[in-house]
Amino acid sequence: MVTSRIVYEGNLRIRSVHVRSQQHIITDAPVDNMGKGEAFSPTDLMATSLGNCMLTIMGIAAQTHQFNIDGTTAEITKIMASNPRRIGEIKVELTFPPNNYTDKIKKILRAASRTCPVALSLHPDIKQHVRFHFL
């Protein structure tokens, strides 16, 4: 089954539709690459996908082991490299709300984040820095 349909709308803007849900995502070229920067850039989405994937896999682990990570946040910082222009580094700052996480749960969450399919799919030259903050 087709995953998405994508249309170039002009002026470096792209509309993508997730076929199953009909949800839309718009991307723009970033300001530092001839764009308006009025929406996520494709590389922003790639970096953001890493955080989304990690939270999803950690959420599955939480359900499986019967603990809660509701309200956990991720801040993503994408750092570009040049020659050729590409993502060089992605920083992920995960902050977990107060919940008296045991050492065992923290270990489960750290391990789950490393098994995220996006993290495993990124080229090894892309540095992934992940920090966990348990409040």
C-alpha atoms as a PDB file:
ATOM      1  CA  MET A   1       0.000   0.000   0.000  1.00  0.00           C
ATOM      2  CA  VAL A   2       1.206   3.506  -0.790  1.00  0.00           C
ATOM      3  CA  THR A   3       2.394   5.363   2.321  1.00  0.00           C
ATOM      4  CA  SER A   4       2.132   8.956   1.129  1.00  0.00           C
ATOM      5  CA  ARG A   5       1.436  11.163  -1.862  1.00  0.00           C
ATOM      6  CA  ILE A   6       3.538  14.263  -2.363  1.00  0.00           C
ATOM      7  CA  VAL A   7       2.900  17.381  -4.471  1.00  0.00           C
ATOM      8  CA  TYR A   8       5.322  20.208  -5.235  1.00  0.00           C
ATOM      9  CA  GLU A   9       3.178  23.348  -4.839  1.00  0.00           C
ATOM     10  CA  GLY A  10       5.822  25.816  -6.017  1.00  0.00           C
ATOM     11  CA  ASN A  11       8.063  28.312  -4.266  1.00  0.00           C
ATOM     12  CA  LEU A  12       9.932  25.451  -2.557  1.00  0.00           C
ATOM     13  CA  ARG A  13       6.776  24.274  -0.736  1.00  0.00           C
ATOM     14  CA  ILE A  14       5.736  20.626  -0.681  1.00  0.00           C
ATOM     15  CA  ARG A  15       2.465  19.089   0.537  1.00  0.00           C
ATOM     16  CA  SER A  16       2.566  15.468   1.674  1.00  0.00           C
ATOM     17  CA  VAL A  17      -0.531  13.429   2.466  1.00  0.00           C
ATOM     18  CA  HIS A  18      -0.456  10.284   4.575  1.00  0.00           C
ATOM     19  CA  VAL A  19      -2.704   8.011   2.497  1.00  0.00           C
ATOM     20  CA  ARG A  20      -4.238   5.970   5.319  1.00  0.00           C
ATOM     21  CA  SER A  21      -5.188   8.902   7.581  1.00  0.00           C
ATOM     22  CA  GLN A  22      -5.336  11.741   5.021  1.00  0.00           C
ATOM     23  CA  GLN A  23      -3.264  13.910   7.379  1.00  0.00           C
ATOM     24  CA  HIS A  24      -1.183  16.608   5.662  1.00  0.00           C
ATOM     25  CA  ILE A  25       2.349  17.863   6.235  1.00  0.00           C
ATOM     26  CA  ILE A  26       3.725  20.949   4.534  1.00  0.00           C
ATOM     27  CA  THR A  27       7.455  21.503   4.149  1.00  0.00           C
ATOM     28  CA  ASP A  28       9.354  24.586   3.039  1.00  0.00           C
ATOM     29  CA  ALA A  29      12.991  25.000   2.173  1.00  0.00           C
ATOM     30  CA  PRO A  30      14.875  26.534   5.101  1.00  0.00           C
ATOM     31  CA  VAL A  31      15.910  30.178   5.084  1.00  0.00           C
ATOM     32  CA  ASP A  32      19.577  29.199   4.797  1.00  0.00           C
ATOM     33  CA  ASN A  33      18.805  27.275   1.592  1.00  0.00           C
ATOM     34  CA  MET A  34      16.752  29.722  -0.494  1.00  0.00           C
ATOM     35  CA  GLY A  35      13.463  29.101   1.329  1.00  0.00           C
ATOM     36  CA  LYS A  36      10.985  31.001   3.459  1.00  0.00           C
ATOM     37  CA  GLY A  37      11.286  28.702   6.469  1.00  0.00           C
ATOM     38  CA  GLU A  38       7.545  28.959   7.119  1.00  0.00           C
ATOM     39  CA  ALA A  39       7.209  25.235   7.886  1.00  0.00           C
ATOM     40  CA  PHE A  40       9.378  22.264   8.717  1.00  0.00           C
ATOM     41  CA  SER A  41      12.100  21.631   6.153  1.00  0.00           C
ATOM     42  CA  PRO A  42      12.646  18.054   4.964  1.00  0.00           C
ATOM     43  CA  THR A  43      15.758  17.817   7.160  1.00  0.00           C
ATOM     44  CA  ASP A  44      13.790  19.237  10.116  1.00  0.00           C
ATOM     45  CA  LEU A  45      11.301  16.403   9.627  1.00  0.00           C
ATOM     46  CA  MET A  46      14.083  13.844   9.524  1.00  0.00           C
ATOM     47  CA  ALA A  47      15.559  15.107  12.788  1.00  0.00           C
ATOM     48  CA  THR A  48      12.096  15.415  14.353  1.00  0.00           C
ATOM     49  CA  SER A  49      11.290  11.859  13.252  1.00  0.00           C
ATOM     50  CA  LEU A  50      14.143  10.635  15.424  1.00  0.00           C
ATOM     51  CA  GLY A  51      12.525  12.150  18.539  1.00  0.00           C
ATOM     52  CA  ASN A  52       9.055  10.930  17.550  1.00  0.00           C
ATOM     53  CA  CYS A  53      10.351   7.434  16.946  1.00  0.00           C
ATOM     54  CA  MET A  54      12.211   7.310  20.256  1.00  0.00           C
ATOM     55  CA  LEU A  55       9.113   8.451  22.162  1.00  0.00           C
ATOM     56  CA  THR A  56       6.976   5.885  20.331  1.00  0.00           C
ATOM     57  CA  ILE A  57       9.307   2.982  21.128  1.00  0.00           C
ATOM     58  CA  MET A  58       9.665   4.164  24.741  1.00  0.00           C
ATOM     59  CA  GLY A  59       5.862   4.426  24.952  1.00  0.00           C
ATOM     60  CA  ILE A  60       5.555   0.826  23.753  1.00  0.00           C
ATOM     61  CA  ALA A  61       8.119  -0.236  26.370  1.00  0.00           C
ATOM     62  CA  ALA A  62       6.183   1.674  29.039  1.00  0.00           C
ATOM     63  CA  GLN A  63       2.939  -0.077  28.094  1.00  0.00           C
ATOM     64  CA  THR A  64       4.654  -3.465  27.971  1.00  0.00           C
ATOM     65  CA  HIS A  65       6.236  -2.997  31.409  1.00  0.00           C
ATOM     66  CA  GLN A  66       3.193  -1.187  32.855  1.00  0.00           C
ATOM     67  CA  PHE A  67       4.604   2.220  33.705  1.00  0.00           C
ATOM     68  CA  ASN A  68       3.711   5.682  32.459  1.00  0.00           C
ATOM     69  CA  ILE A  69       5.699   8.246  30.469  1.00  0.00           C
ATOM     70  CA  ASP A  70       2.757  10.525  29.608  1.00  0.00           C
ATOM     71  CA  GLY A  71       3.913  14.126  29.337  1.00  0.00           C
ATOM     72  CA  THR A  72       7.472  13.243  28.339  1.00  0.00           C
ATOM     73  CA  THR A  73       8.926  15.841  25.980  1.00  0.00           C
ATOM     74  CA  ALA A  74      11.724  15.879  23.449  1.00  0.00           C
ATOM     75  CA  GLU A  75      13.660  18.888  22.188  1.00  0.00           C
ATOM     76  CA  ILE A  76      15.453  18.308  18.906  1.00  0.00           C
ATOM     77  CA  THR A  77      18.415  20.274  17.612  1.00  0.00           C
ATOM     78  CA  LYS A  78      19.505  19.606  14.047  1.00  0.00           C
ATOM     79  CA  ILE A  79      23.018  20.638  13.079  1.00  0.00           C
ATOM     80  CA  MET A  80      23.818  20.822   9.390  1.00  0.00           C
ATOM     81  CA  ALA A  81      27.167  19.960   7.831  1.00  0.00           C
ATOM     82  CA  SER A  82      28.535  20.981   4.435  1.00  0.00           C
ATOM     83  CA  ASN A  83      30.421  19.565   1.471  1.00  0.00           C
ATOM     84  CA  PRO A  84      27.982  17.989   0.784  1.00  0.00           C
ATOM     85  CA  ARG A  85      25.117  19.738   2.587  1.00  0.00           C
ATOM     86  CA  ARG A  86      23.602  17.208   4.946  1.00  0.00           C
ATOM     87  CA  ILE A  87      22.544  16.614   8.543  1.00  0.00           C
ATOM     88  CA  GLY A  88      25.725  16.179  10.556  1.00  0.00           C
ATOM     89  CA  GLU A  89      24.320  15.865  14.046  1.00  0.00           C
ATOM     90  CA  ILE A  90      21.016  15.502  15.873  1.00  0.00           C
ATOM     91  CA  LYS A  91      20.689  16.307  19.561  1.00  0.00           C
ATOM     92  CA  VAL A  92      17.720  14.862  21.453  1.00  0.00           C
ATOM     93  CA  GLU A  93      16.891  16.132  24.943  1.00  0.00           C
ATOM     94  CA  LEU A  94      14.272  13.882  26.580  1.00  0.00           C
ATOM     95  CA  THR A  95      12.577  15.181  29.724  1.00  0.00           C
ATOM     96  CA  PHE A  96      10.399  12.854  31.770  1.00  0.00           C
ATOM     97  CA  PRO A  97       7.848  14.261  34.217  1.00  0.00           C
ATOM     98  CA  PRO A  98       8.129  13.386  37.919  1.00  0.00           C
ATOM     99  CA  ASN A  99       7.202   9.733  38.322  1.00  0.00           C
ATOM    100  CA  ASN A 100       9.752   8.103  40.665  1.00  0.00           C
ATOM    101  CA  TYR A 101      11.347   6.112  37.843  1.00  0.00           C
ATOM    102  CA  THR A 102      13.385   3.209  39.186  1.00  0.00           C
ATOM    103  CA  ASP A 103      16.846   2.393  37.853  1.00  0.00           C
ATOM    104  CA  LYS A 104      15.275  -0.589  36.059  1.00  0.00           C
ATOM    105  CA  ILE A 105      12.734   1.632  34.283  1.00  0.00           C
ATOM    106  CA  LYS A 106      15.438   4.136  33.321  1.00  0.00           C
ATOM    107  CA  LYS A 107      17.472   1.284  31.852  1.00  0.00           C
ATOM    108  CA  ILE A 108      14.443   0.060  29.876  1.00  0.00           C
ATOM    109  CA  LEU A 109      13.835   3.574  28.496  1.00  0.00           C
ATOM    110  CA  ARG A 110      17.473   4.093  27.483  1.00  0.00           C
ATOM    111  CA  ALA A 111      17.560   0.707  25.758  1.00  0.00           C
ATOM    112  CA  ALA A 112      14.242   1.360  23.999  1.00  0.00           C
ATOM    113  CA  SER A 113      15.490   4.675  22.616  1.00  0.00           C
ATOM    114  CA  ARG A 114      18.451   2.899  21.006  1.00  0.00           C
ATOM    115  CA  THR A 115      16.174   0.405  19.235  1.00  0.00           C
ATOM    116  CA  CYS A 116      14.133   3.084  17.498  1.00  0.00           C
ATOM    117  CA  PRO A 117      13.952   2.243  13.761  1.00  0.00           C
ATOM    118  CA  VAL A 118      14.778   5.819  12.740  1.00  0.00           C
ATOM    119  CA  ALA A 119      17.906   5.839  14.919  1.00  0.00           C
ATOM    120  CA  LEU A 120      18.949   2.518  13.417  1.00  0.00           C
ATOM    121  CA  SER A 121      18.240   3.752   9.877  1.00  0.00           C
ATOM    122  CA  LEU A 122      20.309   6.936  10.042  1.00  0.00           C
ATOM    123  CA  HIS A 123      23.742   6.845   8.466  1.00  0.00           C
ATOM    124  CA  PRO A 124      26.455   6.187  11.059  1.00  0.00           C
ATOM    125  CA  ASP A 125      28.142   9.487  10.129  1.00  0.00           C
ATOM    126  CA  ILE A 126      25.159  11.366  11.606  1.00  0.00           C
ATOM    127  CA  LYS A 127      26.020  11.882  15.248  1.00  0.00           C
ATOM    128  CA  GLN A 128      23.119  11.165  17.576  1.00  0.00           C
ATOM    129  CA  HIS A 129      23.412  12.737  21.029  1.00  0.00           C
ATOM    130  CA  VAL A 130      20.616  11.712  23.374  1.00  0.00           C
ATOM    131  CA  ARG A 131      20.254  13.054  26.904  1.00  0.00           C
ATOM    132  CA  PHE A 132      17.733  11.851  29.468  1.00  0.00           C
ATOM    133  CA  HIS A 133      16.368  14.128  32.172  1.00  0.00           C
ATOM    134  CA  PHE A 134      14.279  12.445  34.874  1.00  0.00           C
ATOM    135  CA  LEU A 135      12.530  14.998  37.078  1.00  0.00           C
END
